[in-house]
C-alpha atoms as a PDB file:
ATOM      1  CA  MET A   1       0.000   0.000   0.000  1.00  0.00           C
ATOM      2  CA  ASN A   2       1.363   3.417  -0.976  1.00  0.00           C
ATOM      3  CA  VAL A   3       1.574   6.085   1.719  1.00  0.00           C
ATOM      4  CA  ILE A   4      -0.183   9.334   0.766  1.00  0.00           C
ATOM      5  CA  THR A   5       2.257  12.208   1.277  1.00  0.00           C
ATOM      6  CA  LEU A   6       0.816  15.527   2.396  1.00  0.00           C
ATOM      7  CA  SER A   7       2.037  18.819   0.967  1.00  0.00           C
ATOM      8  CA  TYR A   8       2.278  22.130   2.813  1.00  0.00           C
ATOM      9  CA  ALA A   9      -0.647  23.334   0.718  1.00  0.00           C
ATOM     10  CA  ASP A  10      -2.761  20.496   2.121  1.00  0.00           C
ATOM     11  CA  ILE A  11      -1.858  21.536   5.662  1.00  0.00           C
ATOM     12  CA  ALA A  12      -2.572  25.193   4.901  1.00  0.00           C
ATOM     13  CA  LEU A  13      -6.019  24.266   3.553  1.00  0.00           C
ATOM     14  CA  ALA A  14      -6.845  22.379   6.758  1.00  0.00           C
ATOM     15  CA  SER A  15      -5.625  25.306   8.864  1.00  0.00           C
ATOM     16  CA  LEU A  16      -8.413  27.464   7.411  1.00  0.00           C
ATOM     17  CA  LEU A  17     -10.762  25.624   9.784  1.00  0.00           C
ATOM     18  CA  VAL A  18      -8.915  27.213  12.712  1.00  0.00           C
ATOM     19  CA  LEU A  19      -9.415  30.649  11.158  1.00  0.00           C
ATOM     20  CA  VAL A  20     -13.119  29.866  10.849  1.00  0.00           C
ATOM     21  CA  HIS A  21     -13.209  29.020  14.571  1.00  0.00           C
ATOM     22  CA  ALA A  22     -11.450  32.278  15.437  1.00  0.00           C
ATOM     23  CA  GLY A  23     -13.873  34.204  13.209  1.00  0.00           C
ATOM     24  CA  LEU A  24     -16.882  32.590  14.868  1.00  0.00           C
ATOM     25  CA  SER A  25     -15.457  33.491  18.269  1.00  0.00           C
ATOM     26  CA  LEU A  26     -15.172  37.111  17.157  1.00  0.00           C
ATOM     27  CA  ILE A  27     -18.688  37.209  15.708  1.00  0.00           C
ATOM     28  CA  LEU A  28     -20.246  35.528  18.751  1.00  0.00           C
ATOM     29  CA  GLN A  29     -18.079  37.566  21.166  1.00  0.00           C
ATOM     30  CA  LEU A  30     -16.765  34.444  22.908  1.00  0.00           C
ATOM     31  CA  GLY A  31     -13.413  36.035  23.655  1.00  0.00           C
ATOM     32  CA  LEU A  32     -11.531  32.926  22.474  1.00  0.00           C
ATOM     33  CA  GLY A  33     -10.295  34.040  19.060  1.00  0.00           C
ATOM     34  CA  ARG A  34      -6.863  35.167  20.254  1.00  0.00           C
ATOM     35  CA  GLN A  35      -6.405  32.021  22.346  1.00  0.00           C
ATOM     36  CA  ILE A  36      -7.342  29.804  19.395  1.00  0.00           C
ATOM     37  CA  LEU A  37      -4.834  31.497  17.097  1.00  0.00           C
ATOM     38  CA  ILE A  38      -2.063  31.474  19.717  1.00  0.00           C
ATOM     39  CA  ALA A  39      -2.686  27.792  20.480  1.00  0.00           C
ATOM     40  CA  ALA A  40      -2.622  26.912  16.781  1.00  0.00           C
ATOM     41  CA  GLY A  41       0.573  28.926  16.251  1.00  0.00           C
ATOM     42  CA  ARG A  42       2.226  27.266  19.231  1.00  0.00           C
ATOM     43  CA  MET A  43       1.236  23.861  17.918  1.00  0.00           C
ATOM     44  CA  VAL A  44       2.807  24.542  14.515  1.00  0.00           C
ATOM     45  CA  ILE A  45       6.053  25.833  16.013  1.00  0.00           C
ATOM     46  CA  GLN A  46       6.275  23.098  18.638  1.00  0.00           C
ATOM     47  CA  LEU A  47       5.616  20.252  16.191  1.00  0.00           C
ATOM     48  CA  THR A  48       8.081  21.677  13.668  1.00  0.00           C
ATOM     49  CA  LEU A  49      10.798  21.928  16.318  1.00  0.00           C
ATOM     50  CA  LEU A  50       9.892  18.462  17.599  1.00  0.00           C
ATOM     51  CA  GLY A  51      10.356  17.047  14.122  1.00  0.00           C
ATOM     52  CA  LEU A  52      13.848  18.535  13.905  1.00  0.00           C
ATOM     53  CA  VAL A  53      14.757  17.300  17.384  1.00  0.00           C
ATOM     54  CA  LEU A  54      13.454  13.787  16.748  1.00  0.00           C
ATOM     55  CA  LYS A  55      15.304  13.537  13.443  1.00  0.00           C
ATOM     56  CA  GLY A  56      18.612  14.124  15.217  1.00  0.00           C
ATOM     57  CA  LEU A  57      17.608  12.063  18.243  1.00  0.00           C
ATOM     58  CA  PHE A  58      16.699   9.020  16.149  1.00  0.00           C
ATOM     59  CA  ALA A  59      20.118   9.153  14.516  1.00  0.00           C
ATOM     60  CA  LEU A  60      21.918   9.239  17.882  1.00  0.00           C
ATOM     61  CA  THR A  61      19.974   6.602  19.874  1.00  0.00           C
ATOM     62  CA  SER A  62      21.655   7.834  23.039  1.00  0.00           C
ATOM     63  CA  PRO A  63      20.220   7.132  26.517  1.00  0.00           C
ATOM     64  CA  LEU A  64      21.524  10.504  27.689  1.00  0.00           C
ATOM     65  CA  TRP A  65      19.794  12.525  24.977  1.00  0.00           C
ATOM     66  CA  THR A  66      16.625  10.424  25.177  1.00  0.00           C
ATOM     67  CA  GLY A  67      16.519  11.053  28.918  1.00  0.00           C
ATOM     68  CA  LEU A  68      17.115  14.793  28.507  1.00  0.00           C
ATOM     69  CA  VAL A  69      14.307  15.140  25.959  1.00  0.00           C
ATOM     70  CA  ALA A  70      11.988  13.101  28.201  1.00  0.00           C
ATOM     71  CA  LEU A  71      12.866  15.304  31.185  1.00  0.00           C
ATOM     72  CA  ALA A  72      12.211  18.461  29.166  1.00  0.00           C
ATOM     73  CA  MET A  73       8.789  17.111  28.154  1.00  0.00           C
ATOM     74  CA  ILE A  74       7.895  16.426  31.785  1.00  0.00           C
ATOM     75  CA  LEU A  75       9.064  19.872  32.924  1.00  0.00           C
ATOM     76  CA  PHE A  76       6.968  21.594  30.252  1.00  0.00           C
ATOM     77  CA  ALA A  77       3.986  19.390  31.161  1.00  0.00           C
ATOM     78  CA  GLY A  78       4.344  20.549  34.766  1.00  0.00           C
ATOM     79  CA  ARG A  79       4.238  24.162  33.628  1.00  0.00           C
ATOM     80  CA  GLU A  80       1.099  23.557  31.568  1.00  0.00           C
ATOM     81  CA  ALA A  81      -0.633  21.735  34.439  1.00  0.00           C
ATOM     82  CA  MET A  82       0.188  24.601  36.816  1.00  0.00           C
ATOM     83  CA  ALA A  83      -1.115  27.218  34.375  1.00  0.00           C
ATOM     84  CA  ARG A  84      -4.557  25.604  34.394  1.00  0.00           C
ATOM     85  CA  GLN A  85      -5.090  25.840  38.162  1.00  0.00           C
ATOM     86  CA  ALA A  86      -7.810  28.241  39.295  1.00  0.00           C
ATOM     87  CA  ARG A  87      -6.359  28.180  42.825  1.00  0.00           C
ATOM     88  CA  ARG A  88      -2.660  27.348  43.022  1.00  0.00           C
ATOM     89  CA  PHE A  89      -0.445  26.377  45.899  1.00  0.00           C
ATOM     90  CA  ALA A  90       1.918  29.070  47.102  1.00  0.00           C
ATOM     91  CA  GLY A  91       5.566  29.023  46.102  1.00  0.00           C
ATOM     92  CA  TRP A  92       7.357  26.084  44.510  1.00  0.00           C
ATOM     93  CA  TRP A  93       4.561  23.699  45.476  1.00  0.00           C
ATOM     94  CA  SER A  94       2.355  25.047  42.694  1.00  0.00           C
ATOM     95  CA  TYR A  95       4.760  23.596  40.138  1.00  0.00           C
ATOM     96  CA  GLY A  96       6.386  20.835  42.132  1.00  0.00           C
ATOM     97  CA  ILE A  97       3.416  18.700  43.171  1.00  0.00           C
ATOM     98  CA  GLY A  98       2.037  18.121  39.672  1.00  0.00           C
ATOM     99  CA  THR A  99       5.451  17.803  38.028  1.00  0.00           C
ATOM    100  CA  THR A 100       6.697  15.259  40.555  1.00  0.00           C
ATOM    101  CA  ALA A 101       3.507  13.215  40.202  1.00  0.00           C
ATOM    102  CA  MET A 102       3.824  13.183  36.395  1.00  0.00           C
ATOM    103  CA  LEU A 103       7.534  12.351  36.538  1.00  0.00           C
ATOM    104  CA  ALA A 104       6.863   9.318  38.720  1.00  0.00           C
ATOM    105  CA  ALA A 105       3.702   8.087  36.987  1.00  0.00           C
ATOM    106  CA  ALA A 106       4.657   8.641  33.331  1.00  0.00           C
ATOM    107  CA  GLY A 107       8.244   7.512  33.959  1.00  0.00           C
ATOM    108  CA  ILE A 108       7.266   4.237  35.637  1.00  0.00           C
ATOM    109  CA  VAL A 109       4.620   3.348  33.061  1.00  0.00           C
ATOM    110  CA  THR A 110       6.820   4.242  30.064  1.00  0.00           C
ATOM    111  CA  VAL A 111       9.806   2.238  31.320  1.00  0.00           C
ATOM    112  CA  LEU A 112       7.493  -0.705  32.073  1.00  0.00           C
ATOM    113  CA  ALA A 113       6.072  -0.563  28.543  1.00  0.00           C
ATOM    114  CA  LEU A 114       9.504  -0.368  26.921  1.00  0.00           C
ATOM    115  CA  THR A 115      11.042  -3.200  28.942  1.00  0.00           C
ATOM    116  CA  ALA A 116       8.078  -5.570  29.273  1.00  0.00           C
ATOM    117  CA  SER A 117       5.693  -5.023  26.338  1.00  0.00           C
ATOM    118  CA  VAL A 118       7.237  -3.261  23.330  1.00  0.00           C
ATOM    119  CA  ARG A 119      10.839  -4.359  24.046  1.00  0.00           C
ATOM    120  CA  PRO A 120      12.803  -2.382  21.423  1.00  0.00           C
ATOM    121  CA  ASP A 121      16.542  -2.939  21.134  1.00  0.00           C
ATOM    122  CA  PRO A 122      17.899  -0.962  22.892  1.00  0.00           C
ATOM    123  CA  TRP A 123      15.008  -0.412  25.267  1.00  0.00           C
ATOM    124  CA  TYR A 124      15.625   3.360  25.337  1.00  0.00           C
ATOM    125  CA  ASP A 125      15.366   3.688  21.541  1.00  0.00           C
ATOM    126  CA  PRO A 126      13.888   7.209  21.127  1.00  0.00           C
ATOM    127  CA  ARG A 127      11.787   6.087  18.154  1.00  0.00           C
ATOM    128  CA  TYR A 128       9.650   4.189  20.676  1.00  0.00           C
ATOM    129  CA  ALA A 129      10.406   5.873  24.007  1.00  0.00           C
ATOM    130  CA  ILE A 130       9.568   9.466  23.109  1.00  0.00           C
ATOM    131  CA  PRO A 131       6.220   8.854  21.327  1.00  0.00           C
ATOM    132  CA  LEU A 132       5.064   6.501  24.101  1.00  0.00           C
ATOM    133  CA  LEU A 133       6.039   8.983  26.801  1.00  0.00           C
ATOM    134  CA  GLY A 134       4.324  11.791  24.905  1.00  0.00           C
ATOM    135  CA  MET A 135       0.999   9.954  24.709  1.00  0.00           C
ATOM    136  CA  ILE A 136       1.116   8.854  28.346  1.00  0.00           C
ATOM    137  CA  LEU A 137       2.317  12.234  29.608  1.00  0.00           C
ATOM    138  CA  GLY A 138      -0.263  14.283  27.697  1.00  0.00           C
ATOM    139  CA  ASN A 139      -3.171  12.393  29.209  1.00  0.00           C
ATOM    140  CA  THR A 140      -1.578  12.216  32.653  1.00  0.00           C
ATOM    141  CA  MET A 141      -1.142  16.001  32.549  1.00  0.00           C
ATOM    142  CA  THR A 142      -4.860  16.451  31.906  1.00  0.00           C
ATOM    143  CA  GLY A 143      -5.798  14.173  34.806  1.00  0.00           C
ATOM    144  CA  VAL A 144      -3.316  15.763  37.208  1.00  0.00           C
ATOM    145  CA  SER A 145      -4.376  19.326  36.381  1.00  0.00           C
ATOM    146  CA  LEU A 146      -8.082  18.480  36.770  1.00  0.00           C
ATOM    147  CA  GLY A 147      -7.486  16.585  40.003  1.00  0.00           C
ATOM    148  CA  LEU A 148      -5.438  19.344  41.626  1.00  0.00           C
ATOM    149  CA  ASN A 149      -7.813  22.059  40.448  1.00  0.00           C
ATOM    150  CA  THR A 150     -10.785  20.207  41.936  1.00  0.00           C
ATOM    151  CA  LEU A 151      -8.868  19.587  45.173  1.00  0.00           C
ATOM    152  CA  THR A 152      -7.996  23.218  45.817  1.00  0.00           C
ATOM    153  CA  THR A 153     -11.292  24.755  44.691  1.00  0.00           C
ATOM    154  CA  THR A 154     -13.435  22.190  46.524  1.00  0.00           C
ATOM    155  CA  ALA A 155     -11.416  22.395  49.739  1.00  0.00           C
ATOM    156  CA  ARG A 156     -11.844  26.155  49.736  1.00  0.00           C
ATOM    157  CA  ARG A 157     -15.546  25.944  48.928  1.00  0.00           C
ATOM    158  CA  GLU A 158     -16.197  23.268  51.581  1.00  0.00           C
ATOM    159  CA  ARG A 159     -14.007  24.872  54.236  1.00  0.00           C
ATOM    160  CA  SER A 160     -16.832  25.282  56.746  1.00  0.00           C
ATOM    161  CA  ALA A 161     -17.966  21.660  56.426  1.00  0.00           C
ATOM    162  CA  ILE A 162     -14.413  20.337  56.740  1.00  0.00           C
ATOM    163  CA  GLU A 163     -13.627  22.433  59.795  1.00  0.00           C
ATOM    164  CA  ALA A 164     -16.944  21.484  61.390  1.00  0.00           C
ATOM    165  CA  GLN A 165     -15.994  17.805  61.150  1.00  0.00           C
ATOM    166  CA  LEU A 166     -12.591  18.579  62.615  1.00  0.00           C
ATOM    167  CA  ALA A 167     -14.255  20.421  65.510  1.00  0.00           C
ATOM    168  CA  LEU A 168     -16.382  17.334  66.182  1.00  0.00           C
ATOM    169  CA  GLY A 169     -13.260  15.181  66.521  1.00  0.00           C
ATOM    170  CA  ALA A 170     -12.723  13.793  63.030  1.00  0.00           C
ATOM    171  CA  ASP A 171      -9.153  13.538  61.768  1.00  0.00           C
ATOM    172  CA  ILE A 172      -8.159  15.559  58.719  1.00  0.00           C
ATOM    173  CA  TRP A 173      -8.227  12.611  56.306  1.00  0.00           C
ATOM    174  CA  THR A 174     -11.760  11.684  57.327  1.00  0.00           C
ATOM    175  CA  ALA A 175     -12.854  15.300  56.910  1.00  0.00           C
ATOM    176  CA  LEU A 176     -11.161  15.542  53.504  1.00  0.00           C
ATOM    177  CA  ARG A 177     -12.427  12.203  52.201  1.00  0.00           C
ATOM    178  CA  PRO A 178     -15.307  13.631  50.106  1.00  0.00           C
ATOM    179  CA  VAL A 179     -12.937  16.230  48.621  1.00  0.00           C
ATOM    180  CA  LEU A 180     -10.339  13.578  47.774  1.00  0.00           C
ATOM    181  CA  ARG A 181     -12.991  11.372  46.233  1.00  0.00           C
ATOM    182  CA  GLU A 182     -14.332  14.203  44.068  1.00  0.00           C
ATOM    183  CA  SER A 183     -10.814  15.221  43.010  1.00  0.00           C
ATOM    184  CA  MET A 184      -9.918  11.672  41.972  1.00  0.00           C
ATOM    185  CA  ARG A 185     -13.145  11.350  40.005  1.00  0.00           C
ATOM    186  CA  SER A 186     -12.502  14.628  38.224  1.00  0.00           C
ATOM    187  CA  GLY A 187      -9.002  13.588  37.197  1.00  0.00           C
ATOM    188  CA  LEU A 188     -10.021  10.116  35.981  1.00  0.00           C
ATOM    189  CA  ILE A 189     -13.214  10.975  34.083  1.00  0.00           C
ATOM    190  CA  PRO A 190     -11.443  12.007  30.815  1.00  0.00           C
ATOM    191  CA  ILE A 191      -9.559   8.695  30.439  1.00  0.00           C
ATOM    192  CA  ILE A 192     -12.645   6.698  31.434  1.00  0.00           C
ATOM    193  CA  ASN A 193     -14.665   8.513  28.767  1.00  0.00           C
ATOM    194  CA  ALA A 194     -11.873   7.990  26.225  1.00  0.00           C
ATOM    195  CA  MET A 195     -11.733   4.235  26.858  1.00  0.00           C
ATOM    196  CA  ALA A 196     -15.520   3.894  26.771  1.00  0.00           C
ATOM    197  CA  ALA A 197     -15.773   5.738  23.439  1.00  0.00           C
ATOM    198  CA  THR A 198     -12.762   4.176  21.699  1.00  0.00           C
ATOM    199  CA  GLY A 199     -13.766   1.954  18.801  1.00  0.00           C
ATOM    200  CA  LEU A 200     -17.435   2.908  18.982  1.00  0.00           C
ATOM    201  CA  VAL A 201     -17.504   6.701  18.892  1.00  0.00           C
ATOM    202  CA  SER A 202     -13.902   7.505  18.001  1.00  0.00           C
ATOM    203  CA  ILE A 203     -10.900   5.947  16.296  1.00  0.00           C
ATOM    204  CA  PRO A 204      -7.826   7.137  18.241  1.00  0.00           C
ATOM    205  CA  GLY A 205      -5.055   9.081  16.590  1.00  0.00           C
ATOM    206  CA  MET A 206      -2.361   6.421  16.891  1.00  0.00           C
ATOM    207  CA  MET A 207      -4.527   3.740  15.317  1.00  0.00           C
ATOM    208  CA  THR A 208      -5.644   6.120  12.577  1.00  0.00           C
ATOM    209  CA  GLY A 209      -2.054   7.082  11.844  1.00  0.00           C
ATOM    210  CA  GLN A 210      -0.922   3.484  11.590  1.00  0.00           C
ATOM    211  CA  ILE A 211      -3.794   2.555   9.281  1.00  0.00           C
ATOM    212  CA  LEU A 212      -3.112   5.581   7.060  1.00  0.00           C
ATOM    213  CA  ALA A 213       0.566   4.561   7.006  1.00  0.00           C
ATOM    214  CA  GLY A 214      -0.388   1.111   5.690  1.00  0.00           C
ATOM    215  CA  ALA A 215      -0.429  -1.063   8.836  1.00  0.00           C
ATOM    216  CA  ALA A 216      -2.934  -3.918   9.029  1.00  0.00           C
ATOM    217  CA  PRO A 217      -5.994  -2.983  11.145  1.00  0.00           C
ATOM    218  CA  GLU A 218      -5.433  -5.880  13.548  1.00  0.00           C
ATOM    219  CA  ASP A 219      -1.863  -4.728  14.246  1.00  0.00           C
ATOM    220  CA  ALA A 220      -2.993  -1.134  14.703  1.00  0.00           C
ATOM    221  CA  ILE A 221      -5.656  -2.297  17.166  1.00  0.00           C
ATOM    222  CA  LYS A 222      -3.085  -4.180  19.258  1.00  0.00           C
ATOM    223  CA  TYR A 223      -0.889  -1.098  19.553  1.00  0.00           C
ATOM    224  CA  GLN A 224      -3.864   1.109  20.352  1.00  0.00           C
ATOM    225  CA  LEU A 225      -5.039  -1.227  23.104  1.00  0.00           C
ATOM    226  CA  LEU A 226      -1.550  -1.244  24.583  1.00  0.00           C
ATOM    227  CA  VAL A 227      -1.343   2.546  24.489  1.00  0.00           C
ATOM    228  CA  MET A 228      -4.788   3.033  26.045  1.00  0.00           C
ATOM    229  CA  PHE A 229      -3.936   0.691  28.917  1.00  0.00           C
ATOM    230  CA  LEU A 230      -0.645   2.529  29.454  1.00  0.00           C
ATOM    231  CA  ILE A 231      -2.403   5.897  29.391  1.00  0.00           C
ATOM    232  CA  ALA A 232      -5.000   4.683  31.889  1.00  0.00           C
ATOM    233  CA  GLY A 233      -2.269   3.370  34.194  1.00  0.00           C
ATOM    234  CA  GLY A 234      -0.200   6.534  33.966  1.00  0.00           C
ATOM    235  CA  THR A 235      -3.205   8.789  34.510  1.00  0.00           C
ATOM    236  CA  GLY A 236      -4.403   6.794  37.508  1.00  0.00           C
ATOM    237  CA  LEU A 237      -0.997   6.832  39.193  1.00  0.00           C
ATOM    238  CA  GLY A 238      -0.458  10.511  38.405  1.00  0.00           C
ATOM    239  CA  VAL A 239      -3.844  11.635  39.716  1.00  0.00           C
ATOM    240  CA  LEU A 240      -3.448   9.524  42.872  1.00  0.00           C
ATOM    241  CA  ALA A 241       0.005  10.943  43.592  1.00  0.00           C
ATOM    242  CA  ALA A 242      -0.916  14.557  42.792  1.00  0.00           C
ATOM    243  CA  VAL A 243      -4.202  14.638  44.725  1.00  0.00           C
ATOM    244  CA  HIS A 244      -2.755  13.009  47.842  1.00  0.00           C
ATOM    245  CA  GLY A 245       0.406  15.117  47.604  1.00  0.00           C
ATOM    246  CA  GLY A 246      -1.734  18.231  47.311  1.00  0.00           C
ATOM    247  CA  ALA A 247      -3.905  17.119  50.230  1.00  0.00           C
ATOM    248  CA  ARG A 248      -0.832  16.728  52.417  1.00  0.00           C
ATOM    249  CA  ARG A 249       0.184  20.259  51.535  1.00  0.00           C
ATOM    250  CA  LEU A 250      -3.291  21.497  52.549  1.00  0.00           C
ATOM    251  CA  THR A 251      -2.948  19.908  56.009  1.00  0.00           C
ATOM    252  CA  ASP A 252      -0.438  19.766  58.822  1.00  0.00           C
ATOM    253  CA  ALA A 253       0.618  17.399  61.608  1.00  0.00           C
ATOM    254  CA  ARG A 254      -1.981  18.902  63.949  1.00  0.00           C
ATOM    255  CA  HIS A 255      -4.827  17.879  61.612  1.00  0.00           C
ATOM    256  CA  ARG A 256      -5.661  21.425  60.532  1.00  0.00           C
ATOM    257  CA  LEU A 257      -6.843  22.631  57.140  1.00  0.00           C
ATOM    258  CA  ARG A 258      -4.148  24.983  55.834  1.00  0.00           C
ATOM    259  CA  LEU A 259      -5.736  27.071  53.096  1.00  0.00           C
ATOM    260  CA  ASP A 260      -3.039  29.652  53.779  1.00  0.00           C
ATOM    261  CA  HIS A 261      -0.785  27.354  51.734  1.00  0.00           C
ATOM    262  CA  LEU A 262      -2.721  28.460  48.634  1.00  0.00           C
ATOM    263  CA  ALA A 263      -1.496  31.497  46.736  1.00  0.00           C
ATOM    264  CA  PRO A 264      -3.613  34.678  47.056  1.00  0.00           C
ATOM    265  CA  LYS A 265      -5.999  35.109  44.148  1.00  0.00           C
ATOM    266  CA  GLU A 266      -4.238  38.206  42.846  1.00  0.00           C
ATOM    267  CA  ALA A 267      -0.853  36.402  42.866  1.00  0.00           C
ATOM    268  CA  GLU A 268      -1.972  33.621  40.548  1.00  0.00           C
ATOM    269  CA  GLY A 269      -1.829  35.516  37.276  1.00  0.00           C
ATOM    270  CA  ASN A 270      -3.921  34.607  34.286  1.00  0.00           C
END
């Protein structure tokens, strides 16, 4: 089967859809036109640079450079997760909790996939390691950011109820249990929806790409199943680590709710 090669004109034609979205935002006064155009521009620049980086990285097949690129991806993911928090933690914690959770979760799951399931030779081959990490990390970032955002906003909203339970003798983890439960649900809902819809409502990007590249459907399905299970595992671990890490930051050894550990509203930026 011949692979259909896309020209830059084909890409430019598809990009007109983004301009239509921005135009609709302007007409309907949604206030999203600028964000749509900036996001699209960032995507073009980031993917172009990624292509150049991967071309050199694939030629090197070095564990050092593969690790550095993976670390850079995780650090940028931490920044994106932090930027989407309505109520952030004060100081380094705002960045550190989510980034550490993603580093542990995405790192463990990616290494497990490379050494136990995919098994490339060498196991750190960037042709496999970087795309797998990217798919796992992107979804883990979404779960972590949603989980932490729900944790901080719900804890602040339910402050009176939490402190009332503490006054009646409950320990902090009992008082926070409904908040933790809601935060975990919020972080896991996107991957649950994605798994439930895959194959019936949507055909995922990796499977679509493999089929368009000429792979047999049954082989593409096997890879997609593997990736979805890895994404689910990484997201679950990341949300668990981030939510419980954030909850520990919102409490202290004396079983008090420490909302003073959140940054003031005016200090959070846009």
